Amino acid sequence: MTSIKDHHDASRDQYISHKLYLERRAGNRYYNLGYMSYKVVFTITVQNGQNLYLQANATNILDAYKNFEIALLFNPNDVDAKARIDHLCKIWGPQAPAIPGTGLPGATVNQTQIDAARNEAKTIYRNCKC
């Protein structure tokens, strides 16, 4: 007969807490918000045979970026949020080149806007953490 509380349960108690669960859940919520904005930014509209990203404006890009940053503040190991941020910066960041024929205009947001979004993310995170 085995006991209900074996050594595996004892080792799990060391790493799991309700607080950690709540933090990860909040981080996942912000990741999901960021992903919804990310999907909007990458929505392709075809006009006259050309792919256009009509929703790829600075507001939508920075909203996705900000929410992914908040998710990373809750969970620094969130590889998906890191990858999405890198992809946004690669396509629309300050160093992004325009790619003719793809509808990608290049640099849509500048470093000042990214820094402001990062600071706003930190503020939101601090307010949620309390």
Protein backbone atom coordinates (compact mmCIF):
# COMPACT_ATOMS: atom_id res chain seq x y z
CA MET A 1 0.00 0.00 0.00
CA THR A 2 1.33 3.43 -0.91
CA SER A 3 0.75 6.56 1.01
CA ILE A 4 -1.02 9.55 -0.49
CA LYS A 5 1.86 11.84 0.42
CA ASP A 6 5.07 10.36 -1.02
CA HIS A 7 8.43 12.00 -1.70
CA HIS A 8 7.27 13.46 -5.03
CA ASP A 9 4.55 15.49 -3.34
CA ALA A 10 7.03 16.79 -0.75
CA SER A 11 9.45 17.96 -3.44
CA ARG A 12 6.67 19.71 -5.38
CA ASP A 13 5.66 21.68 -2.28
CA GLN A 14 9.06 23.36 -2.32
CA TYR A 15 8.55 24.91 -5.74
CA ILE A 16 4.82 25.54 -6.04
CA SER A 17 2.97 28.25 -4.20
CA HIS A 18 -0.31 30.00 -4.68
CA LYS A 19 1.54 33.27 -5.19
CA LEU A 20 3.64 31.78 -7.98
CA TYR A 21 0.51 30.34 -9.56
CA LEU A 22 -1.18 33.76 -9.50
CA GLU A 23 1.89 35.45 -10.99
CA ARG A 24 2.17 32.91 -13.81
CA ARG A 25 -1.55 33.19 -14.51
CA ALA A 26 -1.28 36.98 -14.74
CA GLY A 27 1.75 36.64 -17.01
CA ASN A 28 -0.18 34.26 -19.26
CA ARG A 29 -3.05 36.71 -19.47
CA TYR A 30 -0.74 39.49 -20.62
CA TYR A 31 0.91 37.13 -23.09
CA ASN A 32 -2.52 36.31 -24.52
CA LEU A 33 -3.36 40.03 -24.80
CA GLY A 34 -0.08 40.63 -26.57
CA TYR A 35 -0.66 37.69 -28.88
CA MET A 36 -4.07 39.03 -29.91
CA SER A 37 -2.48 42.36 -30.85
CA TYR A 38 0.35 40.48 -32.55
CA LYS A 39 -2.13 38.59 -34.71
CA VAL A 40 -3.85 41.85 -35.68
CA VAL A 41 -0.51 43.38 -36.68
CA PHE A 42 0.32 40.40 -38.90
CA THR A 43 -3.07 40.26 -40.61
CA ILE A 44 -2.50 40.43 -44.35
CA THR A 45 -4.88 42.25 -46.67
CA VAL A 46 -4.42 41.75 -50.40
CA GLN A 47 -5.07 44.82 -52.53
CA ASN A 48 -4.26 44.95 -56.24
CA GLY A 49 -2.19 41.77 -55.92
CA GLN A 50 -0.01 43.16 -53.15
CA ASN A 51 0.10 42.00 -49.55
CA LEU A 52 -0.51 44.84 -47.13
CA TYR A 53 -0.36 44.92 -43.36
CA LEU A 54 -3.00 47.58 -42.82
CA GLN A 55 -3.14 47.13 -39.02
CA ALA A 56 0.63 47.35 -38.61
CA ASN A 57 0.63 50.81 -37.12
CA ALA A 58 2.72 52.00 -34.20
CA THR A 59 -0.21 51.77 -31.76
CA ASN A 60 -0.90 48.08 -32.43
CA ILE A 61 2.79 47.14 -32.57
CA LEU A 62 3.55 48.88 -29.29
CA ASP A 63 0.47 47.37 -27.62
CA ALA A 64 1.68 43.88 -28.49
CA TYR A 65 5.22 44.75 -27.41
CA LYS A 66 4.05 46.18 -24.08
CA ASN A 67 1.93 43.13 -23.21
CA PHE A 68 4.76 40.74 -24.08
CA GLU A 69 7.09 42.81 -21.88
CA ILE A 70 4.63 42.51 -18.97
CA ALA A 71 4.44 38.75 -19.53
CA LEU A 72 8.24 38.62 -19.35
CA LEU A 73 8.25 40.59 -16.12
CA PHE A 74 5.94 38.00 -14.57
CA ASN A 75 7.89 35.10 -16.07
CA PRO A 76 11.42 35.94 -17.28
CA ASN A 77 11.68 32.45 -18.81
CA ASP A 78 8.77 32.93 -21.22
CA VAL A 79 10.50 31.99 -24.47
CA ASP A 80 7.38 32.61 -26.55
CA ALA A 81 7.09 36.23 -25.40
CA LYS A 82 10.80 36.76 -26.09
CA ALA A 83 10.44 35.32 -29.59
CA ARG A 84 7.40 37.51 -30.36
CA ILE A 85 9.22 40.65 -29.18
CA ASP A 86 12.25 39.77 -31.32
CA HIS A 87 10.01 39.17 -34.33
CA LEU A 88 8.18 42.47 -33.89
CA CYS A 89 11.48 44.35 -33.61
CA LYS A 90 12.95 42.52 -36.60
CA ILE A 91 10.00 43.42 -38.85
CA TRP A 92 8.94 46.86 -37.52
CA GLY A 93 11.61 47.97 -35.08
CA PRO A 94 14.08 50.85 -35.48
CA GLN A 95 16.56 48.78 -37.52
CA ALA A 96 13.97 47.02 -39.70
CA PRO A 97 14.63 47.29 -43.44
CA ALA A 98 11.83 47.87 -45.94
CA ILE A 99 11.29 44.76 -48.04
CA PRO A 100 9.86 45.67 -51.47
CA GLY A 101 6.97 43.55 -52.74
CA THR A 102 6.08 42.15 -49.34
CA GLY A 103 4.14 45.05 -47.93
CA LEU A 104 6.66 45.42 -45.09
CA PRO A 105 7.51 49.13 -44.84
CA GLY A 106 10.42 48.73 -42.45
CA ALA A 107 10.94 50.84 -39.35
CA THR A 108 7.50 51.75 -38.02
CA VAL A 109 8.41 52.34 -34.37
CA ASN A 110 11.50 54.07 -33.03
CA GLN A 111 13.59 53.35 -29.96
CA THR A 112 11.97 56.15 -27.97
CA GLN A 113 8.53 54.59 -28.48
CA ILE A 114 9.86 51.16 -27.50
CA ASP A 115 11.45 52.58 -24.35
CA ALA A 116 8.17 54.32 -23.44
CA ALA A 117 6.25 51.05 -23.93
CA ARG A 118 8.79 49.20 -21.78
CA ASN A 119 8.45 51.81 -19.01
CA GLU A 120 4.65 51.59 -19.19
CA ALA A 121 4.94 47.80 -18.93
CA LYS A 122 7.05 48.13 -15.79
CA THR A 123 4.49 50.49 -14.26
CA ILE A 124 1.61 48.12 -15.03
CA TYR A 125 3.60 45.20 -13.64
CA ARG A 126 4.33 47.05 -10.40
CA ASN A 127 0.65 47.90 -9.99
CA CYS A 128 -0.39 44.27 -10.61
CA LYS A 129 2.27 42.80 -8.34
CA CYS A 130 0.98 44.37 -5.12
